[in-house]
Amino acid sequence: MKYYEKPICGIYKITHKPSNKCYVGLSVDIFKRWKEHTNFAQAKKKWSKIKQALYDHLLEFSFEVIEVCDEANLSSREIHWISVHNSFEDGYNRTKGG
């Protein structure tokens, strides 16, 4: 198994490099979640704001793990990082997290 195939639990950030707008998310398997964000087979009407942006401009985005944490702390850490990166008010998050 390659290192990126092992489940990593934590918080990730997807950033639109030209505008610096971002999306902060949580997952018990971050790389699996990234694959879900970039799987464009789903019906377009069900796409989130971040999925639509990725579809339109995939090469302009970066993806990074910003914190590895226990599953029990995911919600509180997502709220923290959404606040730090202001991704609810000025980014792609639709909620303040949690």
C-alpha atoms as a PDB file:
ATOM      1  CA  MET A   1       0.000   0.000   0.000  1.00  0.00           C
ATOM      2  CA  LYS A   2       1.363   3.430  -0.934  1.00  0.00           C
ATOM      3  CA  TYR A   3       1.456   6.194   1.678  1.00  0.00           C
ATOM      4  CA  TYR A   4      -1.329   8.139  -0.039  1.00  0.00           C
ATOM      5  CA  GLU A   5      -3.606   5.088  -0.019  1.00  0.00           C
ATOM      6  CA  LYS A   6      -3.578   4.825   3.773  1.00  0.00           C
ATOM      7  CA  PRO A   7      -6.576   6.593   5.328  1.00  0.00           C
ATOM      8  CA  ILE A   8      -5.638   9.909   6.917  1.00  0.00           C
ATOM      9  CA  CYS A   9      -8.165  11.445   9.297  1.00  0.00           C
ATOM     10  CA  GLY A  10      -8.154  15.205   9.563  1.00  0.00           C
ATOM     11  CA  ILE A  11      -8.753  18.579   7.960  1.00  0.00           C
ATOM     12  CA  TYR A  12      -7.909  19.524   4.373  1.00  0.00           C
ATOM     13  CA  LYS A  13      -7.969  22.714   2.339  1.00  0.00           C
ATOM     14  CA  ILE A  14      -8.650  23.261  -1.359  1.00  0.00           C
ATOM     15  CA  THR A  15      -7.442  26.669  -2.564  1.00  0.00           C
ATOM     16  CA  HIS A  16      -8.172  28.546  -5.788  1.00  0.00           C
ATOM     17  CA  LYS A  17      -4.674  29.917  -6.382  1.00  0.00           C
ATOM     18  CA  PRO A  18      -5.555  33.057  -8.406  1.00  0.00           C
ATOM     19  CA  SER A  19      -8.133  34.357  -5.890  1.00  0.00           C
ATOM     20  CA  ASN A  20      -6.858  32.635  -2.716  1.00  0.00           C
ATOM     21  CA  LYS A  21     -10.476  31.636  -1.952  1.00  0.00           C
ATOM     22  CA  CYS A  22     -10.593  28.253  -0.270  1.00  0.00           C
ATOM     23  CA  TYR A  23     -12.700  25.402   0.986  1.00  0.00           C
ATOM     24  CA  VAL A  24     -11.949  23.661   4.292  1.00  0.00           C
ATOM     25  CA  GLY A  25     -13.272  20.158   4.872  1.00  0.00           C
ATOM     26  CA  LEU A  26     -12.991  17.217   7.209  1.00  0.00           C
ATOM     27  CA  SER A  27     -12.736  13.514   6.497  1.00  0.00           C
ATOM     28  CA  VAL A  28     -11.785  10.223   8.092  1.00  0.00           C
ATOM     29  CA  ASP A  29     -10.100   9.429   4.734  1.00  0.00           C
ATOM     30  CA  ILE A  30      -8.858  12.687   3.216  1.00  0.00           C
ATOM     31  CA  PHE A  31      -7.519  11.320  -0.076  1.00  0.00           C
ATOM     32  CA  LYS A  32     -10.710   9.359  -0.702  1.00  0.00           C
ATOM     33  CA  ARG A  33     -12.625  12.601  -0.106  1.00  0.00           C
ATOM     34  CA  TRP A  34     -10.414  14.417  -2.643  1.00  0.00           C
ATOM     35  CA  LYS A  35     -11.311  11.736  -5.207  1.00  0.00           C
ATOM     36  CA  GLU A  36     -14.992  12.344  -4.434  1.00  0.00           C
ATOM     37  CA  HIS A  37     -14.559  16.104  -4.972  1.00  0.00           C
ATOM     38  CA  THR A  38     -12.993  15.463  -8.364  1.00  0.00           C
ATOM     39  CA  ASN A  39     -15.416  12.763  -9.522  1.00  0.00           C
ATOM     40  CA  PHE A  40     -17.537  14.672 -12.002  1.00  0.00           C
ATOM     41  CA  ALA A  41     -19.838  11.760 -12.892  1.00  0.00           C
ATOM     42  CA  GLN A  42     -22.431  12.889 -10.326  1.00  0.00           C
ATOM     43  CA  ALA A  43     -25.448  14.852 -11.638  1.00  0.00           C
ATOM     44  CA  LYS A  44     -24.416  18.506 -12.023  1.00  0.00           C
ATOM     45  CA  LYS A  45     -27.475  19.823 -10.181  1.00  0.00           C
ATOM     46  CA  LYS A  46     -26.202  18.096  -6.994  1.00  0.00           C
ATOM     47  CA  TRP A  47     -22.722  19.654  -7.158  1.00  0.00           C
ATOM     48  CA  SER A  48     -21.467  21.815  -4.311  1.00  0.00           C
ATOM     49  CA  LYS A  49     -19.858  25.207  -4.927  1.00  0.00           C
ATOM     50  CA  ILE A  50     -16.391  23.704  -4.593  1.00  0.00           C
ATOM     51  CA  LYS A  51     -17.152  20.847  -6.995  1.00  0.00           C
ATOM     52  CA  GLN A  52     -18.418  23.277  -9.663  1.00  0.00           C
ATOM     53  CA  ALA A  53     -15.332  25.454  -9.240  1.00  0.00           C
ATOM     54  CA  LEU A  54     -13.030  22.431  -9.492  1.00  0.00           C
ATOM     55  CA  TYR A  55     -14.797  21.302 -12.659  1.00  0.00           C
ATOM     56  CA  ASP A  56     -14.406  24.727 -14.250  1.00  0.00           C
ATOM     57  CA  HIS A  57     -10.802  25.422 -13.180  1.00  0.00           C
ATOM     58  CA  LEU A  58      -9.166  22.249 -11.792  1.00  0.00           C
ATOM     59  CA  LEU A  59      -5.586  23.235 -12.648  1.00  0.00           C
ATOM     60  CA  GLU A  60      -5.933  26.489 -10.717  1.00  0.00           C
ATOM     61  CA  PHE A  61      -6.511  24.680  -7.400  1.00  0.00           C
ATOM     62  CA  SER A  62      -4.195  23.259  -4.786  1.00  0.00           C
ATOM     63  CA  PHE A  63      -5.051  20.567  -2.260  1.00  0.00           C
ATOM     64  CA  GLU A  64      -3.385  20.132   1.115  1.00  0.00           C
ATOM     65  CA  VAL A  65      -3.825  18.386   4.431  1.00  0.00           C
ATOM     66  CA  ILE A  66      -3.719  21.109   7.094  1.00  0.00           C
ATOM     67  CA  GLU A  67      -4.191  18.993  10.210  1.00  0.00           C
ATOM     68  CA  VAL A  68      -4.206  15.321  11.088  1.00  0.00           C
ATOM     69  CA  CYS A  69      -6.442  14.632  14.092  1.00  0.00           C
ATOM     70  CA  ASP A  70      -8.614  12.021  15.761  1.00  0.00           C
ATOM     71  CA  GLU A  71     -12.121  11.454  14.448  1.00  0.00           C
ATOM     72  CA  ALA A  72     -13.547  12.719  17.752  1.00  0.00           C
ATOM     73  CA  ASN A  73     -11.994  16.163  17.133  1.00  0.00           C
ATOM     74  CA  LEU A  74     -12.893  16.574  13.442  1.00  0.00           C
ATOM     75  CA  SER A  75     -15.900  18.866  13.884  1.00  0.00           C
ATOM     76  CA  SER A  76     -14.258  21.307  16.282  1.00  0.00           C
ATOM     77  CA  ARG A  77     -11.065  21.437  14.206  1.00  0.00           C
ATOM     78  CA  GLU A  78     -13.040  22.061  10.993  1.00  0.00           C
ATOM     79  CA  ILE A  79     -14.859  24.971  12.673  1.00  0.00           C
ATOM     80  CA  HIS A  80     -11.490  26.351  13.787  1.00  0.00           C
ATOM     81  CA  TRP A  81      -9.876  26.142  10.337  1.00  0.00           C
ATOM     82  CA  ILE A  82     -12.915  27.543   8.488  1.00  0.00           C
ATOM     83  CA  SER A  83     -12.693  30.535  10.826  1.00  0.00           C
ATOM     84  CA  VAL A  84      -8.908  30.890  10.405  1.00  0.00           C
ATOM     85  CA  HIS A  85      -9.184  30.868   6.596  1.00  0.00           C
ATOM     86  CA  ASN A  86     -12.462  32.841   6.494  1.00  0.00           C
ATOM     87  CA  SER A  87     -13.777  30.289   4.013  1.00  0.00           C
ATOM     88  CA  PHE A  88     -17.431  30.661   5.014  1.00  0.00           C
ATOM     89  CA  GLU A  89     -17.703  34.404   4.477  1.00  0.00           C
ATOM     90  CA  ASP A  90     -15.155  34.675   1.664  1.00  0.00           C
ATOM     91  CA  GLY A  91     -14.687  31.173   0.298  1.00  0.00           C
ATOM     92  CA  TYR A  92     -16.435  28.009  -0.830  1.00  0.00           C
ATOM     93  CA  ASN A  93     -17.791  26.685   2.488  1.00  0.00           C
ATOM     94  CA  ARG A  94     -21.583  26.804   2.765  1.00  0.00           C
ATOM     95  CA  THR A  95     -21.559  26.512   6.569  1.00  0.00           C
ATOM     96  CA  LYS A  96     -19.279  27.464   9.443  1.00  0.00           C
ATOM     97  CA  GLY A  97     -18.419  23.768   9.848  1.00  0.00           C
ATOM     98  CA  GLY A  98     -18.968  21.083  12.382  1.00  0.00           C
END
